[in-house]
């Protein structure tokens, strides 16, 4: 998907946290898994976003000490 997106002039990014967010062993994921009709036997390992990249612009600086936990 990433190569196909690039060939169409689109940008893409791998989102790895979906494995932790939708893990059936994570009690906080139950409501979201139900909303997505995702059975416990399925564990997503990742997802991607695809869109039109900015041609020019300022890239925001990442905070070195910023960590966000979803579980």
PDB file of N, CA and C in Angstrom:
ATOM      1  N   UNK A   1       0.815  -1.184   0.000  1.00  0.00           N
ATOM      2  CA  UNK A   1       0.000   0.000   0.000  1.00  0.00           C
ATOM      3  C   UNK A   1       0.862   1.251   0.000  1.00  0.00           C
ATOM      4  N   UNK A   2       1.975   1.204   0.709  1.00  0.00           N
ATOM      5  CA  UNK A   2       2.839   2.376   0.794  1.00  0.00           C
ATOM      6  C   UNK A   2       3.485   2.699  -0.553  1.00  0.00           C
ATOM      7  N   UNK A   3       3.930   1.674  -1.248  1.00  0.00           N
ATOM      8  CA  UNK A   3       4.539   1.885  -2.566  1.00  0.00           C
ATOM      9  C   UNK A   3       3.486   2.369  -3.560  1.00  0.00           C
ATOM     10  N   UNK A   4       2.300   1.783  -3.516  1.00  0.00           N
ATOM     11  CA  UNK A   4       1.221   2.212  -4.408  1.00  0.00           C
ATOM     12  C   UNK A   4       0.831   3.654  -4.122  1.00  0.00           C
ATOM     13  N   UNK A   5       0.739   4.022  -2.847  1.00  0.00           N
ATOM     14  CA  UNK A   5       0.399   5.404  -2.485  1.00  0.00           C
ATOM     15  C   UNK A   5       1.452   6.363  -3.019  1.00  0.00           C
ATOM     16  N   UNK A   6       2.717   6.014  -2.838  1.00  0.00           N
ATOM     17  CA  UNK A   6       3.802   6.873  -3.320  1.00  0.00           C
ATOM     18  C   UNK A   6       3.757   7.024  -4.829  1.00  0.00           C
ATOM     19  N   UNK A   7       3.440   5.957  -5.543  1.00  0.00           N
ATOM     20  CA  UNK A   7       3.395   6.033  -7.002  1.00  0.00           C
ATOM     21  C   UNK A   7       2.266   6.944  -7.482  1.00  0.00           C
ATOM     22  N   UNK A   8       1.279   7.188  -6.620  1.00  0.00           N
ATOM     23  CA  UNK A   8       0.170   8.086  -6.952  1.00  0.00           C
ATOM     24  C   UNK A   8       0.396   9.500  -6.423  1.00  0.00           C
ATOM     25  N   UNK A   9       1.581   9.742  -5.854  1.00  0.00           N
ATOM     26  CA  UNK A   9       1.897  11.063  -5.318  1.00  0.00           C
ATOM     27  C   UNK A   9       1.339  11.302  -3.927  1.00  0.00           C
ATOM     28  N   UNK A  10       0.980  10.230  -3.247  1.00  0.00           N
ATOM     29  CA  UNK A  10       0.431  10.335  -1.901  1.00  0.00           C
ATOM     30  C   UNK A  10       1.498  10.007  -0.863  1.00  0.00           C
ATOM     31  N   UNK A  11       1.315  10.528   0.333  1.00  0.00           N
ATOM     32  CA  UNK A  11       2.190  10.201   1.440  1.00  0.00           C
ATOM     33  C   UNK A  11       1.531   9.134   2.299  1.00  0.00           C
ATOM     34  N   UNK A  12       2.328   8.418   3.079  1.00  0.00           N
ATOM     35  CA  UNK A  12       1.772   7.380   3.946  1.00  0.00           C
ATOM     36  C   UNK A  12       2.620   7.261   5.202  1.00  0.00           C
ATOM     37  N   UNK A  13       2.030   6.666   6.224  1.00  0.00           N
ATOM     38  CA  UNK A  13       2.745   6.475   7.489  1.00  0.00           C
ATOM     39  C   UNK A  13       2.198   5.231   8.179  1.00  0.00           C
ATOM     40  N   UNK A  14       3.092   4.390   8.681  1.00  0.00           N
ATOM     41  CA  UNK A  14       2.726   3.190   9.417  1.00  0.00           C
ATOM     42  C   UNK A  14       2.352   3.587  10.847  1.00  0.00           C
ATOM     43  N   UNK A  15       1.223   3.092  11.337  1.00  0.00           N
ATOM     44  CA  UNK A  15       0.774   3.353  12.699  1.00  0.00           C
ATOM     45  C   UNK A  15       0.869   2.041  13.472  1.00  0.00           C
ATOM     46  N   UNK A  16       1.839   1.931  14.358  1.00  0.00           N
ATOM     47  CA  UNK A  16       2.123   0.684  15.051  1.00  0.00           C
ATOM     48  C   UNK A  16       1.290   0.486  16.310  1.00  0.00           C
ATOM     49  N   UNK A  17       0.787   1.555  16.920  1.00  0.00           N
ATOM     50  CA  UNK A  17       0.132   1.444  18.222  1.00  0.00           C
ATOM     51  C   UNK A  17      -1.197   0.707  18.189  1.00  0.00           C
ATOM     52  N   UNK A  18      -1.733   0.452  17.000  1.00  0.00           N
ATOM     53  CA  UNK A  18      -3.030  -0.224  16.925  1.00  0.00           C
ATOM     54  C   UNK A  18      -2.972  -1.620  17.549  1.00  0.00           C
ATOM     55  N   UNK A  19      -1.816  -2.260  17.520  1.00  0.00           N
ATOM     56  CA  UNK A  19      -1.672  -3.590  18.122  1.00  0.00           C
ATOM     57  C   UNK A  19      -1.925  -3.532  19.627  1.00  0.00           C
ATOM     58  N   UNK A  20      -1.423  -2.500  20.285  1.00  0.00           N
ATOM     59  CA  UNK A  20      -1.629  -2.345  21.720  1.00  0.00           C
ATOM     60  C   UNK A  20      -3.034  -1.847  22.033  1.00  0.00           C
ATOM     61  N   UNK A  21      -3.529  -0.926  21.219  1.00  0.00           N
ATOM     62  CA  UNK A  21      -4.847  -0.343  21.463  1.00  0.00           C
ATOM     63  C   UNK A  21      -5.955  -1.380  21.301  1.00  0.00           C
ATOM     64  N   UNK A  22      -5.846  -2.262  20.311  1.00  0.00           N
ATOM     65  CA  UNK A  22      -6.898  -3.241  20.027  1.00  0.00           C
ATOM     66  C   UNK A  22      -6.575  -4.651  20.499  1.00  0.00           C
ATOM     67  N   UNK A  23      -5.608  -4.792  21.372  1.00  0.00           N
ATOM     68  CA  UNK A  23      -5.254  -6.100  21.919  1.00  0.00           C
ATOM     69  C   UNK A  23      -6.429  -6.635  22.746  1.00  0.00           C
ATOM     70  N   UNK A  24      -6.909  -7.852  22.465  1.00  0.00           N
ATOM     71  CA  UNK A  24      -8.056  -8.389  23.215  1.00  0.00           C
ATOM     72  C   UNK A  24      -7.775  -8.563  24.706  1.00  0.00           C
ATOM     73  N   UNK A  25      -6.508  -8.609  25.100  1.00  0.00           N
ATOM     74  CA  UNK A  25      -6.158  -8.723  26.521  1.00  0.00           C
ATOM     75  C   UNK A  25      -6.183  -7.373  27.237  1.00  0.00           C
ATOM     76  N   UNK A  26      -6.368  -6.302  26.487  1.00  0.00           N
ATOM     77  CA  UNK A  26      -6.439  -4.961  27.053  1.00  0.00           C
ATOM     78  C   UNK A  26      -7.899  -4.648  27.369  1.00  0.00           C
ATOM     79  N   UNK A  27      -8.262  -4.541  28.651  1.00  0.00           N
ATOM     80  CA  UNK A  27      -9.672  -4.315  29.002  1.00  0.00           C
ATOM     81  C   UNK A  27     -10.225  -2.996  28.459  1.00  0.00           C
ATOM     82  N   UNK A  28      -9.359  -2.008  28.234  1.00  0.00           N
ATOM     83  CA  UNK A  28      -9.808  -0.718  27.701  1.00  0.00           C
ATOM     84  C   UNK A  28     -10.189  -0.803  26.227  1.00  0.00           C
ATOM     85  N   UNK A  29      -9.814  -1.872  25.548  1.00  0.00           N
ATOM     86  CA  UNK A  29     -10.077  -1.970  24.108  1.00  0.00           C
ATOM     87  C   UNK A  29     -11.444  -2.586  23.793  1.00  0.00           C
ATOM     88  N   UNK A  30     -12.123  -3.124  24.778  1.00  0.00           N
ATOM     89  CA  UNK A  30     -13.366  -3.867  24.541  1.00  0.00           C
ATOM     90  C   UNK A  30     -14.418  -3.037  23.793  1.00  0.00           C
ATOM     91  N   UNK A  31     -14.658  -1.801  24.230  1.00  0.00           N
ATOM     92  CA  UNK A  31     -15.686  -0.963  23.597  1.00  0.00           C
ATOM     93  C   UNK A  31     -15.343  -0.682  22.139  1.00  0.00           C
ATOM     94  N   UNK A  32     -14.069  -0.371  21.871  1.00  0.00           N
ATOM     95  CA  UNK A  32     -13.660  -0.081  20.493  1.00  0.00           C
ATOM     96  C   UNK A  32     -13.716  -1.332  19.631  1.00  0.00           C
ATOM     97  N   UNK A  33     -13.287  -2.463  20.169  1.00  0.00           N
ATOM     98  CA  UNK A  33     -13.358  -3.724  19.412  1.00  0.00           C
ATOM     99  C   UNK A  33     -14.808  -4.067  19.077  1.00  0.00           C
ATOM    100  N   UNK A  34     -15.722  -3.836  20.035  1.00  0.00           N
ATOM    101  CA  UNK A  34     -17.141  -4.083  19.776  1.00  0.00           C
ATOM    102  C   UNK A  34     -17.670  -3.157  18.687  1.00  0.00           C
ATOM    103  N   UNK A  35     -17.276  -1.891  18.735  1.00  0.00           N
ATOM    104  CA  UNK A  35     -17.720  -0.923  17.735  1.00  0.00           C
ATOM    105  C   UNK A  35     -17.241  -1.306  16.335  1.00  0.00           C
ATOM    106  N   UNK A  36     -16.048  -1.886  16.256  1.00  0.00           N
ATOM    107  CA  UNK A  36     -15.481  -2.315  14.975  1.00  0.00           C
ATOM    108  C   UNK A  36     -15.896  -3.730  14.580  1.00  0.00           C
ATOM    109  N   UNK A  37     -16.712  -4.382  15.427  1.00  0.00           N
ATOM    110  CA  UNK A  37     -17.110  -5.784  15.209  1.00  0.00           C
ATOM    111  C   UNK A  37     -15.890  -6.687  15.030  1.00  0.00           C
ATOM    112  N   UNK A  38     -14.895  -6.485  15.861  1.00  0.00           N
ATOM    113  CA  UNK A  38     -13.640  -7.222  15.782  1.00  0.00           C
ATOM    114  C   UNK A  38     -13.633  -8.341  16.814  1.00  0.00           C
ATOM    115  N   UNK A  39     -13.656  -9.577  16.335  1.00  0.00           N
ATOM    116  CA  UNK A  39     -13.655 -10.734  17.234  1.00  0.00           C
ATOM    117  C   UNK A  39     -12.316 -10.867  17.938  1.00  0.00           C
ATOM    118  N   UNK A  40     -12.328 -11.479  19.119  1.00  0.00           N
ATOM    119  CA  UNK A  40     -11.107 -11.634  19.912  1.00  0.00           C
ATOM    120  C   UNK A  40     -10.038 -12.470  19.222  1.00  0.00           C
ATOM    121  N   UNK A  41     -10.442 -13.320  18.278  1.00  0.00           N
ATOM    122  CA  UNK A  41      -9.441 -14.159  17.601  1.00  0.00           C
ATOM    123  C   UNK A  41      -8.575 -13.348  16.633  1.00  0.00           C
ATOM    124  N   UNK A  42      -8.953 -12.099  16.357  1.00  0.00           N
ATOM    125  CA  UNK A  42      -8.178 -11.240  15.459  1.00  0.00           C
ATOM    126  C   UNK A  42      -7.419 -10.185  16.249  1.00  0.00           C
ATOM    127  N   UNK A  43      -6.123 -10.079  15.977  1.00  0.00           N
ATOM    128  CA  UNK A  43      -5.287  -9.051  16.604  1.00  0.00           C
ATOM    129  C   UNK A  43      -4.638  -8.229  15.496  1.00  0.00           C
ATOM    130  N   UNK A  44      -5.096  -7.006  15.273  1.00  0.00           N
ATOM    131  CA  UNK A  44      -4.457  -6.159  14.259  1.00  0.00           C
ATOM    132  C   UNK A  44      -3.006  -5.883  14.653  1.00  0.00           C
ATOM    133  N   UNK A  45      -2.125  -5.869  13.693  1.00  0.00           N
ATOM    134  CA  UNK A  45      -0.717  -5.611  13.991  1.00  0.00           C
ATOM    135  C   UNK A  45      -0.281  -4.214  13.594  1.00  0.00           C
ATOM    136  N   UNK A  46      -1.082  -3.514  12.832  1.00  0.00           N
ATOM    137  CA  UNK A  46      -0.729  -2.162  12.442  1.00  0.00           C
ATOM    138  C   UNK A  46      -1.747  -1.597  11.483  1.00  0.00           C
ATOM    139  N   UNK A  47      -1.608  -0.359  11.189  1.00  0.00           N
ATOM    140  CA  UNK A  47      -2.476   0.304  10.221  1.00  0.00           C
ATOM    141  C   UNK A  47      -1.664   1.399   9.540  1.00  0.00           C
ATOM    142  N   UNK A  48      -2.258   2.005   8.557  1.00  0.00           N
ATOM    143  CA  UNK A  48      -1.536   3.081   7.884  1.00  0.00           C
ATOM    144  C   UNK A  48      -2.489   4.234   7.592  1.00  0.00           C
ATOM    145  N   UNK A  49      -1.895   5.402   7.468  1.00  0.00           N
ATOM    146  CA  UNK A  49      -2.643   6.569   7.027  1.00  0.00           C
ATOM    147  C   UNK A  49      -2.093   6.965   5.667  1.00  0.00           C
ATOM    148  N   UNK A  50      -2.961   7.444   4.809  1.00  0.00           N
ATOM    149  CA  UNK A  50      -2.569   7.846   3.464  1.00  0.00           C
ATOM    150  C   UNK A  50      -3.216   9.193   3.180  1.00  0.00           C
ATOM    151  N   UNK A  51      -2.456  10.096   2.604  1.00  0.00           N
ATOM    152  CA  UNK A  51      -3.000  11.411   2.280  1.00  0.00           C
ATOM    153  C   UNK A  51      -2.046  12.212   1.426  1.00  0.00           C
ATOM    154  N   UNK A  52      -2.445  13.427   1.148  1.00  0.00           N
ATOM    155  CA  UNK A  52      -1.610  14.316   0.347  1.00  0.00           C
ATOM    156  C   UNK A  52      -0.616  15.029   1.248  1.00  0.00           C
ATOM    157  N   UNK A  53       0.681  14.844   1.009  1.00  0.00           N
ATOM    158  CA  UNK A  53       1.688  15.503   1.848  1.00  0.00           C
ATOM    159  C   UNK A  53       1.773  16.994   1.527  1.00  0.00           C
ATOM    160  N   UNK A  54       2.176  17.777   2.521  1.00  0.00           N
ATOM    161  CA  UNK A  54       2.420  19.201   2.299  1.00  0.00           C
ATOM    162  C   UNK A  54       3.644  19.338   1.405  1.00  0.00           C
ATOM    163  N   UNK A  55       3.551  20.216   0.450  1.00  0.00           N
ATOM    164  CA  UNK A  55       4.701  20.453  -0.422  1.00  0.00           C
ATOM    165  C   UNK A  55       5.747  21.288   0.299  1.00  0.00           C
ATOM    166  N   UNK A  56       5.289  22.284   1.036  1.00  0.00           N
ATOM    167  CA  UNK A  56       6.190  23.138   1.810  1.00  0.00           C
ATOM    168  C   UNK A  56       5.570  23.353   3.173  1.00  0.00           C
ATOM    169  N   UNK A  57       6.375  23.638   4.132  1.00  0.00           N
ATOM    170  CA  UNK A  57       5.835  23.914   5.457  1.00  0.00           C
ATOM    171  C   UNK A  57       6.860  23.633   6.526  1.00  0.00           C
ATOM    172  N   UNK A  58       6.456  23.912   7.717  1.00  0.00           N
ATOM    173  CA  UNK A  58       7.336  23.725   8.862  1.00  0.00           C
ATOM    174  C   UNK A  58       6.966  22.410   9.539  1.00  0.00           C
ATOM    175  N   UNK A  59       7.961  21.591   9.788  1.00  0.00           N
ATOM    176  CA  UNK A  59       7.742  20.340  10.503  1.00  0.00           C
ATOM    177  C   UNK A  59       7.826  20.649  11.989  1.00  0.00           C
ATOM    178  N   UNK A  60       6.809  20.244  12.730  1.00  0.00           N
ATOM    179  CA  UNK A  60       6.796  20.504  14.167  1.00  0.00           C
ATOM    180  C   UNK A  60       7.891  19.705  14.848  1.00  0.00           C
ATOM    181  N   UNK A  61       8.531  20.337  15.821  1.00  0.00           N
ATOM    182  CA  UNK A  61       9.584  19.679  16.580  1.00  0.00           C
ATOM    183  C   UNK A  61       8.952  18.745  17.609  1.00  0.00           C
ATOM    184  N   UNK A  62       9.454  17.532  17.711  1.00  0.00           N
ATOM    185  CA  UNK A  62       8.945  16.570  18.678  1.00  0.00           C
ATOM    186  C   UNK A  62       9.543  16.843  20.054  1.00  0.00           C
ATOM    187  N   UNK A  63       8.735  16.672  21.084  1.00  0.00           N
ATOM    188  CA  UNK A  63       9.210  16.844  22.451  1.00  0.00           C
ATOM    189  C   UNK A  63       9.988  15.596  22.854  1.00  0.00           C
ATOM    190  N   UNK A  64      11.196  15.774  23.304  1.00  0.00           N
ATOM    191  CA  UNK A  64      12.061  14.641  23.643  1.00  0.00           C
ATOM    192  C   UNK A  64      11.518  13.835  24.815  1.00  0.00           C
ATOM    193  N   UNK A  65      10.855  14.475  25.777  1.00  0.00           N
ATOM    194  CA  UNK A  65      10.400  13.775  26.971  1.00  0.00           C
ATOM    195  C   UNK A  65       8.901  13.456  26.944  1.00  0.00           C
ATOM    196  N   UNK A  66       8.289  13.490  25.762  1.00  0.00           N
ATOM    197  CA  UNK A  66       6.844  13.270  25.646  1.00  0.00           C
ATOM    198  C   UNK A  66       6.560  11.824  25.280  1.00  0.00           C
ATOM    199  N   UNK A  67       5.851  11.117  26.151  1.00  0.00           N
ATOM    200  CA  UNK A  67       5.476   9.734  25.918  1.00  0.00           C
ATOM    201  C   UNK A  67       3.973   9.622  26.155  1.00  0.00           C
ATOM    202  N   UNK A  68       3.279   8.944  25.270  1.00  0.00           N
ATOM    203  CA  UNK A  68       1.834   8.783  25.413  1.00  0.00           C
ATOM    204  C   UNK A  68       1.497   7.295  25.427  1.00  0.00           C
ATOM    205  N   UNK A  69       0.873   6.846  26.489  1.00  0.00           N
ATOM    206  CA  UNK A  69       0.479   5.440  26.610  1.00  0.00           C
ATOM    207  C   UNK A  69      -1.010   5.317  26.344  1.00  0.00           C
ATOM    208  N   UNK A  70      -1.398   4.316  25.590  1.00  0.00           N
ATOM    209  CA  UNK A  70      -2.794   4.074  25.270  1.00  0.00           C
ATOM    210  C   UNK A  70      -3.371   2.918  26.073  1.00  0.00           C
ATOM    211  N   UNK A  71      -2.578   2.283  26.882  1.00  0.00           N
ATOM    212  CA  UNK A  71      -3.064   1.118  27.629  1.00  0.00           C
ATOM    213  C   UNK A  71      -2.621   1.184  29.067  1.00  0.00           C
TER     214      UNK A  71
END
